[in-house]
Amino acid sequence: MTPDDLKAAYKHILQSEDGDVVLEDLELRFHVRTPVFSNDPYETAFRDGQRSVVLFIANMLKDKPQQVEEMELDV
């Protein structure tokens, strides 16, 4: 599976009304909208790891900005 195929699969599954509900729930549960800080550094690291997964999923749903696509063509 190519990276483009994988990105298309994420979009197919999560760009729907149900996908929006799931993503919103993930964002609320896994510290996308709240601080990850804790007095325990291990807890902070754990929360940041959870958050990074949700951010990865959200980024998979985004299209590349036009400017980046143009820069890739120039190389």
PDB file of N, CA and C in Angstrom:
ATOM      1  N   MET A   1       0.846  -1.171   0.000  1.00  0.00           N
ATOM      2  CA  MET A   1       0.000   0.000   0.000  1.00  0.00           C
ATOM      3  C   MET A   1       0.898   1.244   0.000  1.00  0.00           C
ATOM      4  N   THR A   2       0.605   2.157  -0.882  1.00  0.00           N
ATOM      5  CA  THR A   2       1.381   3.393  -0.969  1.00  0.00           C
ATOM      6  C   THR A   2       0.899   4.392   0.088  1.00  0.00           C
ATOM      7  N   PRO A   3       1.705   5.404   0.382  1.00  0.00           N
ATOM      8  CA  PRO A   3       1.258   6.435   1.323  1.00  0.00           C
ATOM      9  C   PRO A   3      -0.032   7.130   0.872  1.00  0.00           C
ATOM     10  N   ASP A   4      -0.185   7.329  -0.433  1.00  0.00           N
ATOM     11  CA  ASP A   4      -1.412   7.947  -0.940  1.00  0.00           C
ATOM     12  C   ASP A   4      -2.615   7.038  -0.728  1.00  0.00           C
ATOM     13  N   ASP A   5      -2.419   5.728  -0.915  1.00  0.00           N
ATOM     14  CA  ASP A   5      -3.506   4.775  -0.675  1.00  0.00           C
ATOM     15  C   ASP A   5      -3.910   4.768   0.793  1.00  0.00           C
ATOM     16  N   LEU A   6      -2.918   4.830   1.664  1.00  0.00           N
ATOM     17  CA  LEU A   6      -3.194   4.834   3.096  1.00  0.00           C
ATOM     18  C   LEU A   6      -3.959   6.092   3.491  1.00  0.00           C
ATOM     19  N   LYS A   7      -3.527   7.222   2.966  1.00  0.00           N
ATOM     20  CA  LYS A   7      -4.212   8.485   3.249  1.00  0.00           C
ATOM     21  C   LYS A   7      -5.654   8.438   2.746  1.00  0.00           C
ATOM     22  N   ALA A   8      -5.867   7.866   1.577  1.00  0.00           N
ATOM     23  CA  ALA A   8      -7.220   7.734   1.026  1.00  0.00           C
ATOM     24  C   ALA A   8      -8.078   6.829   1.907  1.00  0.00           C
ATOM     25  N   ALA A   9      -7.489   5.790   2.474  1.00  0.00           N
ATOM     26  CA  ALA A   9      -8.233   4.894   3.355  1.00  0.00           C
ATOM     27  C   ALA A   9      -8.665   5.626   4.626  1.00  0.00           C
ATOM     28  N   TYR A  10      -7.751   6.415   5.214  1.00  0.00           N
ATOM     29  CA  TYR A  10      -8.122   7.210   6.386  1.00  0.00           C
ATOM     30  C   TYR A  10      -9.290   8.132   6.044  1.00  0.00           C
ATOM     31  N   LYS A  11      -9.189   8.814   4.924  1.00  0.00           N
ATOM     32  CA  LYS A  11     -10.248   9.741   4.524  1.00  0.00           C
ATOM     33  C   LYS A  11     -11.566   9.009   4.287  1.00  0.00           C
ATOM     34  N   HIS A  12     -11.513   7.869   3.640  1.00  0.00           N
ATOM     35  CA  HIS A  12     -12.727   7.104   3.343  1.00  0.00           C
ATOM     36  C   HIS A  12     -13.456   6.722   4.630  1.00  0.00           C
ATOM     37  N   ILE A  13     -12.706   6.298   5.623  1.00  0.00           N
ATOM     38  CA  ILE A  13     -13.300   5.845   6.877  1.00  0.00           C
ATOM     39  C   ILE A  13     -13.748   7.002   7.759  1.00  0.00           C
ATOM     40  N   LEU A  14     -12.961   8.068   7.823  1.00  0.00           N
ATOM     41  CA  LEU A  14     -13.193   9.092   8.842  1.00  0.00           C
ATOM     42  C   LEU A  14     -13.837  10.383   8.350  1.00  0.00           C
ATOM     43  N   GLN A  15     -13.971  10.574   7.052  1.00  0.00           N
ATOM     44  CA  GLN A  15     -14.622  11.790   6.571  1.00  0.00           C
ATOM     45  C   GLN A  15     -16.098  11.521   6.297  1.00  0.00           C
ATOM     46  N   SER A  16     -16.796  11.289   7.369  1.00  0.00           N
ATOM     47  CA  SER A  16     -18.239  11.075   7.335  1.00  0.00           C
ATOM     48  C   SER A  16     -18.809  11.661   8.618  1.00  0.00           C
ATOM     49  N   GLU A  17     -20.112  11.646   8.768  1.00  0.00           N
ATOM     50  CA  GLU A  17     -20.706  12.157  10.005  1.00  0.00           C
ATOM     51  C   GLU A  17     -20.228  11.328  11.193  1.00  0.00           C
ATOM     52  N   ASP A  18     -20.219  10.003  11.051  1.00  0.00           N
ATOM     53  CA  ASP A  18     -19.734   9.146  12.132  1.00  0.00           C
ATOM     54  C   ASP A  18     -18.254   9.378  12.400  1.00  0.00           C
ATOM     55  N   GLY A  19     -17.476   9.570  11.350  1.00  0.00           N
ATOM     56  CA  GLY A  19     -16.055   9.842  11.506  1.00  0.00           C
ATOM     57  C   GLY A  19     -15.819  11.135  12.275  1.00  0.00           C
ATOM     58  N   ASP A  20     -16.638  12.154  11.995  1.00  0.00           N
ATOM     59  CA  ASP A  20     -16.524  13.415  12.731  1.00  0.00           C
ATOM     60  C   ASP A  20     -16.791  13.211  14.215  1.00  0.00           C
ATOM     61  N   VAL A  21     -17.798  12.395  14.532  1.00  0.00           N
ATOM     62  CA  VAL A  21     -18.133  12.112  15.929  1.00  0.00           C
ATOM     63  C   VAL A  21     -16.978  11.383  16.607  1.00  0.00           C
ATOM     64  N   VAL A  22     -16.400  10.403  15.925  1.00  0.00           N
ATOM     65  CA  VAL A  22     -15.289   9.632  16.487  1.00  0.00           C
ATOM     66  C   VAL A  22     -14.072  10.527  16.702  1.00  0.00           C
ATOM     67  N   LEU A  23     -13.738  11.346  15.716  1.00  0.00           N
ATOM     68  CA  LEU A  23     -12.577  12.234  15.861  1.00  0.00           C
ATOM     69  C   LEU A  23     -12.771  13.234  16.993  1.00  0.00           C
ATOM     70  N   GLU A  24     -13.966  13.774  17.124  1.00  0.00           N
ATOM     71  CA  GLU A  24     -14.227  14.708  18.213  1.00  0.00           C
ATOM     72  C   GLU A  24     -14.062  14.013  19.565  1.00  0.00           C
ATOM     73  N   ASP A  25     -14.567  12.795  19.674  1.00  0.00           N
ATOM     74  CA  ASP A  25     -14.420  12.032  20.905  1.00  0.00           C
ATOM     75  C   ASP A  25     -12.944  11.766  21.208  1.00  0.00           C
ATOM     76  N   LEU A  26     -12.173  11.372  20.204  1.00  0.00           N
ATOM     77  CA  LEU A  26     -10.745  11.129  20.399  1.00  0.00           C
ATOM     78  C   LEU A  26     -10.024  12.391  20.867  1.00  0.00           C
ATOM     79  N   GLU A  27     -10.376  13.527  20.259  1.00  0.00           N
ATOM     80  CA  GLU A  27      -9.750  14.785  20.643  1.00  0.00           C
ATOM     81  C   GLU A  27     -10.048  15.144  22.102  1.00  0.00           C
ATOM     82  N   LEU A  28     -11.274  14.881  22.536  1.00  0.00           N
ATOM     83  CA  LEU A  28     -11.642  15.176  23.921  1.00  0.00           C
ATOM     84  C   LEU A  28     -10.992  14.218  24.909  1.00  0.00           C
ATOM     85  N   ARG A  29     -10.913  12.949  24.561  1.00  0.00           N
ATOM     86  CA  ARG A  29     -10.367  11.935  25.467  1.00  0.00           C
ATOM     87  C   ARG A  29      -8.845  11.973  25.578  1.00  0.00           C
ATOM     88  N   PHE A  30      -8.189  12.344  24.496  1.00  0.00           N
ATOM     89  CA  PHE A  30      -6.739  12.173  24.440  1.00  0.00           C
ATOM     90  C   PHE A  30      -5.979  13.482  24.315  1.00  0.00           C
ATOM     91  N   HIS A  31      -6.462  14.502  25.009  1.00  0.00           N
ATOM     92  CA  HIS A  31      -5.703  15.713  25.311  1.00  0.00           C
ATOM     93  C   HIS A  31      -5.339  16.582  24.108  1.00  0.00           C
ATOM     94  N   VAL A  32      -6.143  16.554  23.067  1.00  0.00           N
ATOM     95  CA  VAL A  32      -5.889  17.466  21.954  1.00  0.00           C
ATOM     96  C   VAL A  32      -6.359  18.866  22.329  1.00  0.00           C
ATOM     97  N   ARG A  33      -7.413  18.934  23.114  1.00  0.00           N
ATOM     98  CA  ARG A  33      -7.981  20.236  23.496  1.00  0.00           C
ATOM     99  C   ARG A  33      -7.668  20.630  24.938  1.00  0.00           C
ATOM    100  N   THR A  34      -6.886  19.829  25.612  1.00  0.00           N
ATOM    101  CA  THR A  34      -6.537  20.113  27.001  1.00  0.00           C
ATOM    102  C   THR A  34      -5.026  19.938  27.178  1.00  0.00           C
ATOM    103  N   PRO A  35      -4.478  20.536  28.209  1.00  0.00           N
ATOM    104  CA  PRO A  35      -3.030  20.387  28.442  1.00  0.00           C
ATOM    105  C   PRO A  35      -2.650  18.937  28.754  1.00  0.00           C
ATOM    106  N   VAL A  36      -1.464  18.563  28.360  1.00  0.00           N
ATOM    107  CA  VAL A  36      -0.962  17.219  28.665  1.00  0.00           C
ATOM    108  C   VAL A  36      -0.148  17.216  29.953  1.00  0.00           C
ATOM    109  N   PHE A  37       0.130  18.380  30.495  1.00  0.00           N
ATOM    110  CA  PHE A  37       1.004  18.475  31.660  1.00  0.00           C
ATOM    111  C   PHE A  37       0.429  17.760  32.876  1.00  0.00           C
ATOM    112  N   SER A  38       1.321  17.097  33.597  1.00  0.00           N
ATOM    113  CA  SER A  38       1.028  16.489  34.886  1.00  0.00           C
ATOM    114  C   SER A  38       2.271  16.686  35.752  1.00  0.00           C
ATOM    115  N   ASN A  39       2.114  16.630  37.054  1.00  0.00           N
ATOM    116  CA  ASN A  39       3.274  16.708  37.936  1.00  0.00           C
ATOM    117  C   ASN A  39       4.185  15.495  37.783  1.00  0.00           C
ATOM    118  N   ASP A  40       3.622  14.418  37.295  1.00  0.00           N
ATOM    119  CA  ASP A  40       4.382  13.188  37.035  1.00  0.00           C
ATOM    120  C   ASP A  40       4.894  13.227  35.595  1.00  0.00           C
ATOM    121  N   PRO A  41       6.190  13.292  35.364  1.00  0.00           N
ATOM    122  CA  PRO A  41       6.709  13.395  33.991  1.00  0.00           C
ATOM    123  C   PRO A  41       6.338  12.192  33.124  1.00  0.00           C
ATOM    124  N   TYR A  42       6.180  11.034  33.741  1.00  0.00           N
ATOM    125  CA  TYR A  42       5.785   9.854  32.959  1.00  0.00           C
ATOM    126  C   TYR A  42       4.345   9.981  32.485  1.00  0.00           C
ATOM    127  N   GLU A  43       3.492  10.545  33.302  1.00  0.00           N
ATOM    128  CA  GLU A  43       2.104  10.782  32.916  1.00  0.00           C
ATOM    129  C   GLU A  43       2.035  11.814  31.804  1.00  0.00           C
ATOM    130  N   THR A  44       2.851  12.850  31.915  1.00  0.00           N
ATOM    131  CA  THR A  44       2.903  13.864  30.853  1.00  0.00           C
ATOM    132  C   THR A  44       3.319  13.223  29.531  1.00  0.00           C
ATOM    133  N   ALA A  45       4.347  12.395  29.569  1.00  0.00           N
ATOM    134  CA  ALA A  45       4.812  11.719  28.351  1.00  0.00           C
ATOM    135  C   ALA A  45       3.735  10.797  27.794  1.00  0.00           C
ATOM    136  N   PHE A  46       3.048  10.085  28.662  1.00  0.00           N
ATOM    137  CA  PHE A  46       1.980   9.189  28.236  1.00  0.00           C
ATOM    138  C   PHE A  46       0.860   9.971  27.547  1.00  0.00           C
ATOM    139  N   ARG A  47       0.433  11.058  28.171  1.00  0.00           N
ATOM    140  CA  ARG A  47      -0.634  11.882  27.591  1.00  0.00           C
ATOM    141  C   ARG A  47      -0.203  12.482  26.253  1.00  0.00           C
ATOM    142  N   ASP A  48       1.046  12.906  26.160  1.00  0.00           N
ATOM    143  CA  ASP A  48       1.539  13.477  24.911  1.00  0.00           C
ATOM    144  C   ASP A  48       1.565  12.423  23.809  1.00  0.00           C
ATOM    145  N   GLY A  49       1.884  11.183  24.179  1.00  0.00           N
ATOM    146  CA  GLY A  49       1.832  10.090  23.209  1.00  0.00           C
ATOM    147  C   GLY A  49       0.427   9.850  22.704  1.00  0.00           C
ATOM    148  N   GLN A  50      -0.546   9.877  23.605  1.00  0.00           N
ATOM    149  CA  GLN A  50      -1.942   9.726  23.187  1.00  0.00           C
ATOM    150  C   GLN A  50      -2.330  10.843  22.223  1.00  0.00           C
ATOM    151  N   ARG A  51      -1.964  12.050  22.588  1.00  0.00           N
ATOM    152  CA  ARG A  51      -2.290  13.223  21.778  1.00  0.00           C
ATOM    153  C   ARG A  51      -1.668  13.130  20.391  1.00  0.00           C
ATOM    154  N   SER A  52      -0.446  12.659  20.323  1.00  0.00           N
ATOM    155  CA  SER A  52       0.241  12.599  19.028  1.00  0.00           C
ATOM    156  C   SER A  52      -0.443  11.640  18.061  1.00  0.00           C
ATOM    157  N   VAL A  53      -1.052  10.589  18.566  1.00  0.00           N
ATOM    158  CA  VAL A  53      -1.777   9.656  17.692  1.00  0.00           C
ATOM    159  C   VAL A  53      -2.987  10.348  17.070  1.00  0.00           C
ATOM    160  N   VAL A  54      -3.726  11.090  17.879  1.00  0.00           N
ATOM    161  CA  VAL A  54      -4.904  11.792  17.365  1.00  0.00           C
ATOM    162  C   VAL A  54      -4.491  12.863  16.362  1.00  0.00           C
ATOM    163  N   LEU A  55      -3.402  13.565  16.644  1.00  0.00           N
ATOM    164  CA  LEU A  55      -2.906  14.575  15.703  1.00  0.00           C
ATOM    165  C   LEU A  55      -2.457  13.935  14.391  1.00  0.00           C
ATOM    166  N   PHE A  56      -1.852  12.752  14.471  1.00  0.00           N
ATOM    167  CA  PHE A  56      -1.456  12.033  13.260  1.00  0.00           C
ATOM    168  C   PHE A  56      -2.680  11.711  12.408  1.00  0.00           C
ATOM    169  N   ILE A  57      -3.724  11.200  13.058  1.00  0.00           N
ATOM    170  CA  ILE A  57      -4.954  10.867  12.326  1.00  0.00           C
ATOM    171  C   ILE A  57      -5.528  12.119  11.675  1.00  0.00           C
ATOM    172  N   ALA A  58      -5.594  13.220  12.417  1.00  0.00           N
ATOM    173  CA  ALA A  58      -6.129  14.468  11.865  1.00  0.00           C
ATOM    174  C   ALA A  58      -5.302  14.935  10.670  1.00  0.00           C
ATOM    175  N   ASN A  59      -3.991  14.799  10.751  1.00  0.00           N
ATOM    176  CA  ASN A  59      -3.133  15.205   9.633  1.00  0.00           C
ATOM    177  C   ASN A  59      -3.312  14.315   8.417  1.00  0.00           C
ATOM    178  N   MET A  60      -3.629  13.061   8.626  1.00  0.00           N
ATOM    179  CA  MET A  60      -3.877  12.157   7.491  1.00  0.00           C
ATOM    180  C   MET A  60      -5.123  12.574   6.709  1.00  0.00           C
ATOM    181  N   LEU A  61      -6.022  13.291   7.356  1.00  0.00           N
ATOM    182  CA  LEU A  61      -7.258  13.716   6.705  1.00  0.00           C
ATOM    183  C   LEU A  61      -7.113  15.018   5.948  1.00  0.00           C
ATOM    184  N   LYS A  62      -6.014  15.721   6.165  1.00  0.00           N
ATOM    185  CA  LYS A  62      -5.799  17.003   5.509  1.00  0.00           C
ATOM    186  C   LYS A  62      -5.174  16.799   4.138  1.00  0.00           C
ATOM    187  N   ASP A  63      -5.552  17.697   3.232  1.00  0.00           N
ATOM    188  CA  ASP A  63      -4.886  17.732   1.936  1.00  0.00           C
ATOM    189  C   ASP A  63      -3.616  18.546   2.091  1.00  0.00           C
ATOM    190  N   LYS A  64      -2.633  18.263   1.248  1.00  0.00           N
ATOM    191  CA  LYS A  64      -1.403  19.055   1.282  1.00  0.00           C
ATOM    192  C   LYS A  64      -1.719  20.476   0.852  1.00  0.00           C
ATOM    193  N   PRO A  65      -1.116  21.445   1.504  1.00  0.00           N
ATOM    194  CA  PRO A  65      -1.292  22.830   1.044  1.00  0.00           C
ATOM    195  C   PRO A  65      -0.734  22.984  -0.367  1.00  0.00           C
ATOM    196  N   GLN A  66      -1.355  23.823  -1.139  1.00  0.00           N
ATOM    197  CA  GLN A  66      -0.945  24.038  -2.524  1.00  0.00           C
ATOM    198  C   GLN A  66       0.521  24.441  -2.616  1.00  0.00           C
ATOM    199  N   GLN A  67       0.971  25.271  -1.696  1.00  0.00           N
ATOM    200  CA  GLN A  67       2.349  25.763  -1.727  1.00  0.00           C
ATOM    201  C   GLN A  67       3.338  24.599  -1.608  1.00  0.00           C
ATOM    202  N   VAL A  68       3.077  23.636  -0.761  1.00  0.00           N
ATOM    203  CA  VAL A  68       3.974  22.498  -0.582  1.00  0.00           C
ATOM    204  C   VAL A  68       3.998  21.662  -1.862  1.00  0.00           C
ATOM    205  N   GLU A  69       2.821  21.445  -2.465  1.00  0.00           N
ATOM    206  CA  GLU A  69       2.782  20.676  -3.707  1.00  0.00           C
ATOM    207  C   GLU A  69       3.613  21.352  -4.790  1.00  0.00           C
ATOM    208  N   GLU A  70       3.534  22.674  -4.874  1.00  0.00           N
ATOM    209  CA  GLU A  70       4.305  23.398  -5.878  1.00  0.00           C
ATOM    210  C   GLU A  70       5.797  23.270  -5.617  1.00  0.00           C
ATOM    211  N   MET A  71       6.205  23.315  -4.361  1.00  0.00           N
ATOM    212  CA  MET A  71       7.621  23.200  -4.012  1.00  0.00           C
ATOM    213  C   MET A  71       8.149  21.809  -4.397  1.00  0.00           C
ATOM    214  N   GLU A  72       7.335  20.763  -4.216  1.00  0.00           N
ATOM    215  CA  GLU A  72       7.757  19.420  -4.562  1.00  0.00           C
ATOM    216  C   GLU A  72       7.980  19.283  -6.052  1.00  0.00           C
ATOM    217  N   LEU A  73       7.185  19.994  -6.846  1.00  0.00           N
ATOM    218  CA  LEU A  73       7.329  19.922  -8.293  1.00  0.00           C
ATOM    219  C   LEU A  73       8.619  20.602  -8.762  1.00  0.00           C
ATOM    220  N   ASP A  74       9.056  21.608  -8.031  1.00  0.00           N
ATOM    221  CA  ASP A  74      10.265  22.352  -8.420  1.00  0.00           C
ATOM    222  C   ASP A  74      11.543  21.564  -8.153  1.00  0.00           C
ATOM    223  N   VAL A  75      11.496  20.592  -7.276  1.00  0.00           N
ATOM    224  CA  VAL A  75      12.704  19.871  -6.884  1.00  0.00           C
ATOM    225  C   VAL A  75      13.121  18.893  -7.937  1.00  0.00           C
TER     226      VAL A  75
END
